[in-house]
Amino acid sequence: MRILITNDDGINAPGLEVLTAIATEIAGPQGEVWTVAPAFEQSGVGHCISYTHPTMIAELANRRFAAEGSPADCVLAGLYHVMKDTPPDLVLSGVNRGNNAAENTLYSGTIGAVIEAALQGLPAIAMSQYYGPQNLNIDNSFEAAAVHGAHVVRQLLAHGFDDTPQDGYRTFYNVNFPPVPAADVKGTRIVRQGFRHDTNFGVEAQTSPAGRKFLWVRGGPQNVPTAEGTDANANLAGYISVTPMRADLTAHDRLDALAKVFDTK
């Protein structure tokens, strides 16, 4: 198996080392793991692509490339440049430092990479490591992902990609590992994307020594549980969350009602 890996924390991020180990285990001794990751951190860029300017790419080592672009750019670079003659069988993104559960999903470059892979017709899985008091200061804060990641990927490869695309939109997966040591992981839950109420991004203004105004984007607390049966709720209870997703943003439940309102015949 040939696997393309990327992230949004950057080519030197420790979570990418964890993902490399997971991908190497999945690929097996006869497989290949190719890395195309952002040269610099790209957290919060979502599914953006560098549509209006070129992306510089550099080969750092065998099958290891850094691109000055977004995670979605890195997927495109991998498919159409780095691996154009031997395309990957799977795309993995992560392991993100911090959760990409609930509303974080919509901002995440980690998720943006697998959205692009799915749009390109490839199986794709994003992985993120939730942080909290129980794992923040242990020797390996990515321990839960490192120990359990390969098993989750194997299960999804065996059972998660046999569906028919919905109007062309393929399923991809968002996996979040709970903020606990690996031994304390209780299991895996298949859940919906949640929503943290009263946890929003905002800005904080600061004035530089030169008198210029700067705005820092800041988020809200991450330890707020979401509804039962959703991602952050499962994570905070000690479970790995697996959420099947598609890049169709249609609010399907509103279609029929609005059609009746606008039906003038």
C-alpha atoms as a PDB file:
ATOM      1  CA  MET A   1       0.000   0.000   0.000  1.00  0.00           C
ATOM      2  CA  ARG A   2       1.166   3.528  -0.837  1.00  0.00           C
ATOM      3  CA  ILE A   3       0.157   6.145   1.699  1.00  0.00           C
ATOM      4  CA  LEU A   4       0.397   9.930   1.411  1.00  0.00           C
ATOM      5  CA  ILE A   5       0.588  11.744   4.746  1.00  0.00           C
ATOM      6  CA  THR A   6       0.286  15.425   5.577  1.00  0.00           C
ATOM      7  CA  ASN A   7      -0.764  17.724   8.425  1.00  0.00           C
ATOM      8  CA  ASP A   8      -1.412  21.363   9.268  1.00  0.00           C
ATOM      9  CA  ASP A   9       1.107  21.747  12.107  1.00  0.00           C
ATOM     10  CA  GLY A  10       4.046  21.706   9.707  1.00  0.00           C
ATOM     11  CA  ILE A  11       6.745  19.360   8.442  1.00  0.00           C
ATOM     12  CA  ASN A  12       8.638  19.377  11.771  1.00  0.00           C
ATOM     13  CA  ALA A  13       5.644  18.815  14.041  1.00  0.00           C
ATOM     14  CA  PRO A  14       5.903  15.902  16.515  1.00  0.00           C
ATOM     15  CA  GLY A  15       2.426  14.730  15.553  1.00  0.00           C
ATOM     16  CA  LEU A  16       3.671  14.068  12.029  1.00  0.00           C
ATOM     17  CA  GLU A  17       6.255  11.681  13.463  1.00  0.00           C
ATOM     18  CA  VAL A  18       3.422   9.809  15.182  1.00  0.00           C
ATOM     19  CA  LEU A  19       1.486   9.680  11.916  1.00  0.00           C
ATOM     20  CA  THR A  20       4.571   8.432  10.068  1.00  0.00           C
ATOM     21  CA  ALA A  21       4.817   5.517  12.484  1.00  0.00           C
ATOM     22  CA  ILE A  22       1.099   4.733  12.077  1.00  0.00           C
ATOM     23  CA  ALA A  23       1.318   4.922   8.287  1.00  0.00           C
ATOM     24  CA  THR A  24       4.454   2.774   8.191  1.00  0.00           C
ATOM     25  CA  GLU A  25       2.685   0.076  10.205  1.00  0.00           C
ATOM     26  CA  ILE A  26      -0.347   0.191   7.920  1.00  0.00           C
ATOM     27  CA  ALA A  27       1.706   0.212   4.694  1.00  0.00           C
ATOM     28  CA  GLY A  28       3.693  -2.850   5.752  1.00  0.00           C
ATOM     29  CA  PRO A  29       7.219  -3.872   4.737  1.00  0.00           C
ATOM     30  CA  GLN A  30       6.387  -3.806   1.025  1.00  0.00           C
ATOM     31  CA  GLY A  31       4.521  -0.499   1.181  1.00  0.00           C
ATOM     32  CA  GLU A  32       5.537   3.135   0.820  1.00  0.00           C
ATOM     33  CA  VAL A  33       4.891   6.180   2.956  1.00  0.00           C
ATOM     34  CA  TRP A  34       5.220   9.557   1.240  1.00  0.00           C
ATOM     35  CA  THR A  35       5.153  12.841   3.140  1.00  0.00           C
ATOM     36  CA  VAL A  36       4.092  16.172   1.669  1.00  0.00           C
ATOM     37  CA  ALA A  37       3.521  18.597   4.541  1.00  0.00           C
ATOM     38  CA  PRO A  38       3.437  22.376   4.946  1.00  0.00           C
ATOM     39  CA  ALA A  39       6.805  24.035   5.371  1.00  0.00           C
ATOM     40  CA  PHE A  40       5.268  26.198   8.110  1.00  0.00           C
ATOM     41  CA  GLU A  41       2.310  25.798  10.441  1.00  0.00           C
ATOM     42  CA  GLN A  42      -1.038  26.109   8.681  1.00  0.00           C
ATOM     43  CA  SER A  43      -3.462  25.611  11.575  1.00  0.00           C
ATOM     44  CA  GLY A  44      -6.906  27.090  11.011  1.00  0.00           C
ATOM     45  CA  VAL A  45      -6.685  27.422   7.231  1.00  0.00           C
ATOM     46  CA  GLY A  46      -9.491  24.927   6.613  1.00  0.00           C
ATOM     47  CA  HIS A  47      -9.808  23.697   3.039  1.00  0.00           C
ATOM     48  CA  CYS A  48      -8.130  26.696   1.433  1.00  0.00           C
ATOM     49  CA  ILE A  49      -5.957  26.229  -1.645  1.00  0.00           C
ATOM     50  CA  SER A  50      -3.335  28.575  -3.066  1.00  0.00           C
ATOM     51  CA  TYR A  51      -5.374  29.372  -6.135  1.00  0.00           C
ATOM     52  CA  THR A  52      -3.879  32.790  -6.874  1.00  0.00           C
ATOM     53  CA  HIS A  53      -0.163  32.190  -6.278  1.00  0.00           C
ATOM     54  CA  PRO A  54       2.317  29.335  -6.792  1.00  0.00           C
ATOM     55  CA  THR A  55       3.470  26.939  -4.091  1.00  0.00           C
ATOM     56  CA  MET A  56       7.187  26.273  -3.647  1.00  0.00           C
ATOM     57  CA  ILE A  57       8.054  22.653  -2.902  1.00  0.00           C
ATOM     58  CA  ALA A  58      11.351  21.172  -1.673  1.00  0.00           C
ATOM     59  CA  GLU A  59      12.489  17.565  -1.321  1.00  0.00           C
ATOM     60  CA  LEU A  60      13.998  17.163   2.150  1.00  0.00           C
ATOM     61  CA  ALA A  61      14.716  13.437   2.010  1.00  0.00           C
ATOM     62  CA  ASN A  62      13.582  10.337   0.169  1.00  0.00           C
ATOM     63  CA  ARG A  63       9.755  10.486  -0.079  1.00  0.00           C
ATOM     64  CA  ARG A  64       9.683  13.554   2.182  1.00  0.00           C
ATOM     65  CA  PHE A  65       8.660  16.962   0.832  1.00  0.00           C
ATOM     66  CA  ALA A  66       7.809  20.363   2.299  1.00  0.00           C
ATOM     67  CA  ALA A  67       5.460  22.709   0.460  1.00  0.00           C
ATOM     68  CA  GLU A  68       4.906  26.395   1.182  1.00  0.00           C
ATOM     69  CA  GLY A  69       1.147  26.036   1.094  1.00  0.00           C
ATOM     70  CA  SER A  70      -1.911  24.738   2.869  1.00  0.00           C
ATOM     71  CA  PRO A  71      -2.627  21.095   3.730  1.00  0.00           C
ATOM     72  CA  ALA A  72      -4.996  20.899   0.757  1.00  0.00           C
ATOM     73  CA  ASP A  73      -2.173  22.257  -1.424  1.00  0.00           C
ATOM     74  CA  CYS A  74       0.030  19.475  -0.080  1.00  0.00           C
ATOM     75  CA  VAL A  75      -2.504  16.840  -1.125  1.00  0.00           C
ATOM     76  CA  LEU A  76      -2.680  18.330  -4.605  1.00  0.00           C
ATOM     77  CA  ALA A  77       1.117  18.459  -4.765  1.00  0.00           C
ATOM     78  CA  GLY A  78       1.306  14.838  -3.703  1.00  0.00           C
ATOM     79  CA  LEU A  79      -1.251  13.611  -6.224  1.00  0.00           C
ATOM     80  CA  TYR A  80      -0.242  15.631  -9.251  1.00  0.00           C
ATOM     81  CA  HIS A  81       3.484  16.154  -8.773  1.00  0.00           C
ATOM     82  CA  VAL A  82       5.270  14.052  -6.160  1.00  0.00           C
ATOM     83  CA  MET A  83       3.309  10.820  -6.722  1.00  0.00           C
ATOM     84  CA  LYS A  84       1.856  11.480 -10.144  1.00  0.00           C
ATOM     85  CA  ASP A  85       3.245   8.222 -11.589  1.00  0.00           C
ATOM     86  CA  THR A  86       2.408   6.081  -8.541  1.00  0.00           C
ATOM     87  CA  PRO A  87      -0.698   7.571  -6.872  1.00  0.00           C
ATOM     88  CA  PRO A  88      -1.456   6.774  -3.234  1.00  0.00           C
ATOM     89  CA  ASP A  89      -4.025   4.260  -2.057  1.00  0.00           C
ATOM     90  CA  LEU A  90      -4.776   6.247   1.110  1.00  0.00           C
ATOM     91  CA  VAL A  91      -4.325   9.759   2.485  1.00  0.00           C
ATOM     92  CA  LEU A  92      -3.786  10.333   6.215  1.00  0.00           C
ATOM     93  CA  SER A  93      -3.672  13.760   7.858  1.00  0.00           C
ATOM     94  CA  GLY A  94      -2.402  14.636  11.346  1.00  0.00           C
ATOM     95  CA  VAL A  95      -1.815  13.747  14.036  1.00  0.00           C
ATOM     96  CA  ASN A  96      -2.996  17.228  14.973  1.00  0.00           C
ATOM     97  CA  ARG A  97      -1.817  18.767  18.240  1.00  0.00           C
ATOM     98  CA  GLY A  98      -5.190  19.483  19.784  1.00  0.00           C
ATOM     99  CA  ASN A  99      -8.700  18.340  18.991  1.00  0.00           C
ATOM    100  CA  ASN A 100     -10.566  18.822  15.754  1.00  0.00           C
ATOM    101  CA  ALA A 101     -13.912  17.964  17.260  1.00  0.00           C
ATOM    102  CA  ALA A 102     -17.171  19.948  17.165  1.00  0.00           C
ATOM    103  CA  GLU A 103     -16.901  23.387  15.527  1.00  0.00           C
ATOM    104  CA  ASN A 104     -13.104  23.093  15.313  1.00  0.00           C
ATOM    105  CA  THR A 105     -13.716  20.747  12.397  1.00  0.00           C
ATOM    106  CA  LEU A 106     -14.810  23.658  10.224  1.00  0.00           C
ATOM    107  CA  TYR A 107     -11.568  25.594  10.731  1.00  0.00           C
ATOM    108  CA  SER A 108      -9.121  22.707  10.623  1.00  0.00           C
ATOM    109  CA  GLY A 109      -6.422  22.405   7.986  1.00  0.00           C
ATOM    110  CA  THR A 110      -6.055  18.783   9.083  1.00  0.00           C
ATOM    111  CA  ILE A 111      -9.630  18.214   7.946  1.00  0.00           C
ATOM    112  CA  GLY A 112      -9.085  20.364   4.861  1.00  0.00           C
ATOM    113  CA  ALA A 113      -6.478  17.893   3.613  1.00  0.00           C
ATOM    114  CA  VAL A 114      -8.832  14.917   3.778  1.00  0.00           C
ATOM    115  CA  ILE A 115     -11.657  16.901   2.211  1.00  0.00           C
ATOM    116  CA  GLU A 116      -9.402  17.497  -0.783  1.00  0.00           C
ATOM    117  CA  ALA A 117      -8.347  13.841  -0.883  1.00  0.00           C
ATOM    118  CA  ALA A 118     -11.979  12.713  -0.817  1.00  0.00           C
ATOM    119  CA  LEU A 119     -12.885  15.162  -3.592  1.00  0.00           C
ATOM    120  CA  GLN A 120     -10.064  13.569  -5.578  1.00  0.00           C
ATOM    121  CA  GLY A 121     -11.675  10.153  -5.044  1.00  0.00           C
ATOM    122  CA  LEU A 122      -9.286   8.750  -2.438  1.00  0.00           C
ATOM    123  CA  PRO A 123      -9.912   7.148   0.970  1.00  0.00           C
ATOM    124  CA  ALA A 124      -8.873   9.686   3.587  1.00  0.00           C
ATOM    125  CA  ILE A 125      -8.696   9.855   7.381  1.00  0.00           C
ATOM    126  CA  ALA A 126      -7.869  12.819   9.622  1.00  0.00           C
ATOM    127  CA  MET A 127      -6.510  12.196  13.123  1.00  0.00           C
ATOM    128  CA  SER A 128      -6.206  14.587  16.038  1.00  0.00           C
ATOM    129  CA  GLN A 129      -5.071  14.293  19.650  1.00  0.00           C
ATOM    130  CA  TYR A 130      -7.261  15.981  22.249  1.00  0.00           C
ATOM    131  CA  TYR A 131      -5.333  17.710  25.058  1.00  0.00           C
ATOM    132  CA  GLY A 132      -6.331  17.948  28.695  1.00  0.00           C
ATOM    133  CA  PRO A 133      -4.991  17.704  32.262  1.00  0.00           C
ATOM    134  CA  GLN A 134      -4.540  13.916  32.054  1.00  0.00           C
ATOM    135  CA  ASN A 135      -2.212  13.882  29.036  1.00  0.00           C
ATOM    136  CA  LEU A 136      -0.773  17.367  28.720  1.00  0.00           C
ATOM    137  CA  ASN A 137       2.295  16.712  30.843  1.00  0.00           C
ATOM    138  CA  ILE A 138       2.974  13.012  30.306  1.00  0.00           C
ATOM    139  CA  ASP A 139       6.138  11.936  28.460  1.00  0.00           C
ATOM    140  CA  ASN A 140       4.266  11.503  25.165  1.00  0.00           C
ATOM    141  CA  SER A 141       1.133  13.618  24.926  1.00  0.00           C
ATOM    142  CA  PHE A 142       0.319  11.812  21.647  1.00  0.00           C
ATOM    143  CA  GLU A 143       0.369   8.424  23.396  1.00  0.00           C
ATOM    144  CA  ALA A 144      -3.320   7.620  22.836  1.00  0.00           C
ATOM    145  CA  ALA A 145      -2.998   8.281  19.097  1.00  0.00           C
ATOM    146  CA  ALA A 146       0.333   6.460  18.842  1.00  0.00           C
ATOM    147  CA  VAL A 147      -0.953   3.299  20.522  1.00  0.00           C
ATOM    148  CA  HIS A 148      -4.462   3.125  19.064  1.00  0.00           C
ATOM    149  CA  GLY A 149      -4.109   4.916  15.716  1.00  0.00           C
ATOM    150  CA  ALA A 150      -3.134   1.980  13.511  1.00  0.00           C
ATOM    151  CA  HIS A 151      -6.029  -0.151  14.795  1.00  0.00           C
ATOM    152  CA  VAL A 152      -8.566   2.571  13.997  1.00  0.00           C
ATOM    153  CA  VAL A 153      -7.144   3.026  10.488  1.00  0.00           C
ATOM    154  CA  ARG A 154      -7.248  -0.735   9.845  1.00  0.00           C
ATOM    155  CA  GLN A 155     -10.875  -0.927  10.947  1.00  0.00           C
ATOM    156  CA  LEU A 156     -11.863   1.968   8.699  1.00  0.00           C
ATOM    157  CA  LEU A 157      -9.984   0.521   5.731  1.00  0.00           C
ATOM    158  CA  ALA A 158     -11.779  -2.798   6.244  1.00  0.00           C
ATOM    159  CA  HIS A 159     -15.274  -1.421   6.826  1.00  0.00           C
ATOM    160  CA  GLY A 160     -15.464   2.331   6.201  1.00  0.00           C
ATOM    161  CA  PHE A 161     -14.983   2.879   2.487  1.00  0.00           C
ATOM    162  CA  ASP A 162     -17.386   0.431   0.863  1.00  0.00           C
ATOM    163  CA  ASP A 163     -20.225   2.917   0.442  1.00  0.00           C
ATOM    164  CA  THR A 164     -21.465   4.489  -2.770  1.00  0.00           C
ATOM    165  CA  PRO A 165     -20.569   8.194  -3.085  1.00  0.00           C
ATOM    166  CA  GLN A 166     -23.555  10.491  -2.521  1.00  0.00           C
ATOM    167  CA  ASP A 167     -23.868  12.610  -5.671  1.00  0.00           C
ATOM    168  CA  GLY A 168     -20.124  12.162  -6.134  1.00  0.00           C
ATOM    169  CA  TYR A 169     -19.206  13.116  -2.559  1.00  0.00           C
ATOM    170  CA  ARG A 170     -17.110  10.404  -0.955  1.00  0.00           C
ATOM    171  CA  THR A 171     -16.976   9.642   2.745  1.00  0.00           C
ATOM    172  CA  PHE A 172     -13.920  10.679   4.739  1.00  0.00           C
ATOM    173  CA  TYR A 173     -13.299  10.274   8.452  1.00  0.00           C
ATOM    174  CA  ASN A 174     -12.526  12.565  11.356  1.00  0.00           C
ATOM    175  CA  VAL A 175     -10.869  10.689  14.246  1.00  0.00           C
ATOM    176  CA  ASN A 176     -10.148  12.321  17.601  1.00  0.00           C
ATOM    177  CA  PHE A 177      -8.194  10.574  20.359  1.00  0.00           C
ATOM    178  CA  PRO A 178      -9.233  11.398  23.926  1.00  0.00           C
ATOM    179  CA  PRO A 179      -7.145  13.522  26.334  1.00  0.00           C
ATOM    180  CA  VAL A 180      -5.968  10.560  28.396  1.00  0.00           C
ATOM    181  CA  PRO A 181      -2.974   8.186  28.468  1.00  0.00           C
ATOM    182  CA  ALA A 182      -3.250   5.255  26.075  1.00  0.00           C
ATOM    183  CA  ALA A 183      -4.021   2.762  28.846  1.00  0.00           C
ATOM    184  CA  ASP A 184      -7.049   4.820  29.907  1.00  0.00           C
ATOM    185  CA  VAL A 185      -8.732   4.855  26.488  1.00  0.00           C
ATOM    186  CA  LYS A 186     -12.112   3.161  27.015  1.00  0.00           C
ATOM    187  CA  GLY A 187     -12.840   2.253  23.402  1.00  0.00           C
ATOM    188  CA  THR A 188     -14.174   3.794  20.206  1.00  0.00           C
ATOM    189  CA  ARG A 189     -17.479   5.507  19.505  1.00  0.00           C
ATOM    190  CA  ILE A 190     -19.014   6.267  16.089  1.00  0.00           C
ATOM    191  CA  VAL A 191     -20.527   9.694  16.590  1.00  0.00           C
ATOM    192  CA  ARG A 192     -21.842  12.859  14.984  1.00  0.00           C
ATOM    193  CA  GLN A 193     -20.015  16.179  14.891  1.00  0.00           C
ATOM    194  CA  GLY A 194     -20.888  18.132  18.005  1.00  0.00           C
ATOM    195  CA  PHE A 195     -21.210  21.800  18.894  1.00  0.00           C
ATOM    196  CA  ARG A 196     -19.780  23.574  21.935  1.00  0.00           C
ATOM    197  CA  HIS A 197     -22.225  26.235  23.025  1.00  0.00           C
ATOM    198  CA  ASP A 198     -20.680  29.549  24.068  1.00  0.00           C
ATOM    199  CA  THR A 199     -17.266  28.469  22.751  1.00  0.00           C
ATOM    200  CA  ASN A 200     -16.455  30.799  19.875  1.00  0.00           C
ATOM    201  CA  PHE A 201     -13.407  32.257  18.218  1.00  0.00           C
ATOM    202  CA  GLY A 202     -12.889  35.968  18.744  1.00  0.00           C
ATOM    203  CA  VAL A 203     -10.141  38.575  18.667  1.00  0.00           C
ATOM    204  CA  GLU A 204      -8.073  40.319  21.312  1.00  0.00           C
ATOM    205  CA  ALA A 205      -6.545  43.692  20.495  1.00  0.00           C
ATOM    206  CA  GLN A 206      -2.990  44.607  21.505  1.00  0.00           C
ATOM    207  CA  THR A 207      -0.862  47.665  20.811  1.00  0.00           C
ATOM    208  CA  SER A 208       2.742  47.204  19.722  1.00  0.00           C
ATOM    209  CA  PRO A 209       5.612  49.302  21.142  1.00  0.00           C
ATOM    210  CA  ALA A 210       5.460  51.302  17.907  1.00  0.00           C
ATOM    211  CA  GLY A 211       1.837  52.175  18.615  1.00  0.00           C
ATOM    212  CA  ARG A 212       0.293  49.973  15.946  1.00  0.00           C
ATOM    213  CA  LYS A 213      -2.827  47.950  16.654  1.00  0.00           C
ATOM    214  CA  PHE A 214      -2.766  44.154  16.225  1.00  0.00           C
ATOM    215  CA  LEU A 215      -5.540  41.624  16.649  1.00  0.00           C
ATOM    216  CA  TRP A 216      -4.894  38.111  17.964  1.00  0.00           C
ATOM    217  CA  VAL A 217      -7.447  35.422  17.222  1.00  0.00           C
ATOM    218  CA  ARG A 218      -8.314  33.463  20.340  1.00  0.00           C
ATOM    219  CA  GLY A 219     -10.552  30.481  20.945  1.00  0.00           C
ATOM    220  CA  GLY A 220     -12.777  29.375  23.783  1.00  0.00           C
ATOM    221  CA  PRO A 221     -12.440  26.555  26.324  1.00  0.00           C
ATOM    222  CA  GLN A 222     -12.043  23.104  24.804  1.00  0.00           C
ATOM    223  CA  ASN A 223     -13.204  21.027  27.765  1.00  0.00           C
ATOM    224  CA  VAL A 224     -16.869  21.831  27.172  1.00  0.00           C
ATOM    225  CA  PRO A 225     -18.825  18.625  26.509  1.00  0.00           C
ATOM    226  CA  THR A 226     -21.093  18.456  23.502  1.00  0.00           C
ATOM    227  CA  ALA A 227     -24.386  16.565  23.205  1.00  0.00           C
ATOM    228  CA  GLU A 228     -24.653  12.841  23.836  1.00  0.00           C
ATOM    229  CA  GLY A 229     -23.622  10.859  20.770  1.00  0.00           C
ATOM    230  CA  THR A 230     -21.224  13.515  19.466  1.00  0.00           C
ATOM    231  CA  ASP A 231     -17.445  13.794  19.167  1.00  0.00           C
ATOM    232  CA  ALA A 232     -16.222  15.996  22.014  1.00  0.00           C
ATOM    233  CA  ASN A 233     -18.636  14.332  24.422  1.00  0.00           C
ATOM    234  CA  ALA A 234     -17.120  10.937  23.617  1.00  0.00           C
ATOM    235  CA  ASN A 235     -13.559  12.271  23.812  1.00  0.00           C
ATOM    236  CA  LEU A 236     -14.030  13.876  27.207  1.00  0.00           C
ATOM    237  CA  ALA A 237     -15.492  10.601  28.452  1.00  0.00           C
ATOM    238  CA  GLY A 238     -12.300   8.774  27.415  1.00  0.00           C
ATOM    239  CA  TYR A 239     -13.358   7.370  24.039  1.00  0.00           C
ATOM    240  CA  ILE A 240     -11.871   7.676  20.566  1.00  0.00           C
ATOM    241  CA  SER A 241     -14.420   9.395  18.341  1.00  0.00           C
ATOM    242  CA  VAL A 242     -14.870   8.429  14.696  1.00  0.00           C
ATOM    243  CA  THR A 243     -17.114  10.677  12.606  1.00  0.00           C
ATOM    244  CA  PRO A 244     -17.970   9.844   8.982  1.00  0.00           C
ATOM    245  CA  MET A 245     -18.203  13.021   6.902  1.00  0.00           C
ATOM    246  CA  ARG A 246     -18.834  14.271   3.390  1.00  0.00           C
ATOM    247  CA  ALA A 247     -18.066  17.636   1.808  1.00  0.00           C
ATOM    248  CA  ASP A 248     -21.733  18.329   1.064  1.00  0.00           C
ATOM    249  CA  LEU A 249     -22.772  21.404   3.061  1.00  0.00           C
ATOM    250  CA  THR A 250     -26.428  21.231   2.043  1.00  0.00           C
ATOM    251  CA  ALA A 251     -28.947  21.494   4.908  1.00  0.00           C
ATOM    252  CA  HIS A 252     -31.056  18.652   3.526  1.00  0.00           C
ATOM    253  CA  ASP A 253     -33.710  19.011   6.230  1.00  0.00           C
ATOM    254  CA  ARG A 254     -34.595  22.509   4.930  1.00  0.00           C
ATOM    255  CA  LEU A 255     -35.039  21.667   1.252  1.00  0.00           C
ATOM    256  CA  ASP A 256     -38.681  20.512   1.189  1.00  0.00           C
ATOM    257  CA  ALA A 257     -40.015  23.245   3.466  1.00  0.00           C
ATOM    258  CA  LEU A 258     -38.299  26.021   1.526  1.00  0.00           C
ATOM    259  CA  ALA A 259     -39.336  24.539  -1.798  1.00  0.00           C
ATOM    260  CA  LYS A 260     -42.979  24.908  -0.733  1.00  0.00           C
ATOM    261  CA  VAL A 261     -42.420  28.557   0.253  1.00  0.00           C
ATOM    262  CA  PHE A 262     -40.835  29.458  -3.069  1.00  0.00           C
ATOM    263  CA  ASP A 263     -43.140  27.344  -5.217  1.00  0.00           C
ATOM    264  CA  THR A 264     -45.197  29.933  -7.107  1.00  0.00           C
ATOM    265  CA  LYS A 265     -46.981  27.600  -9.512  1.00  0.00           C
END
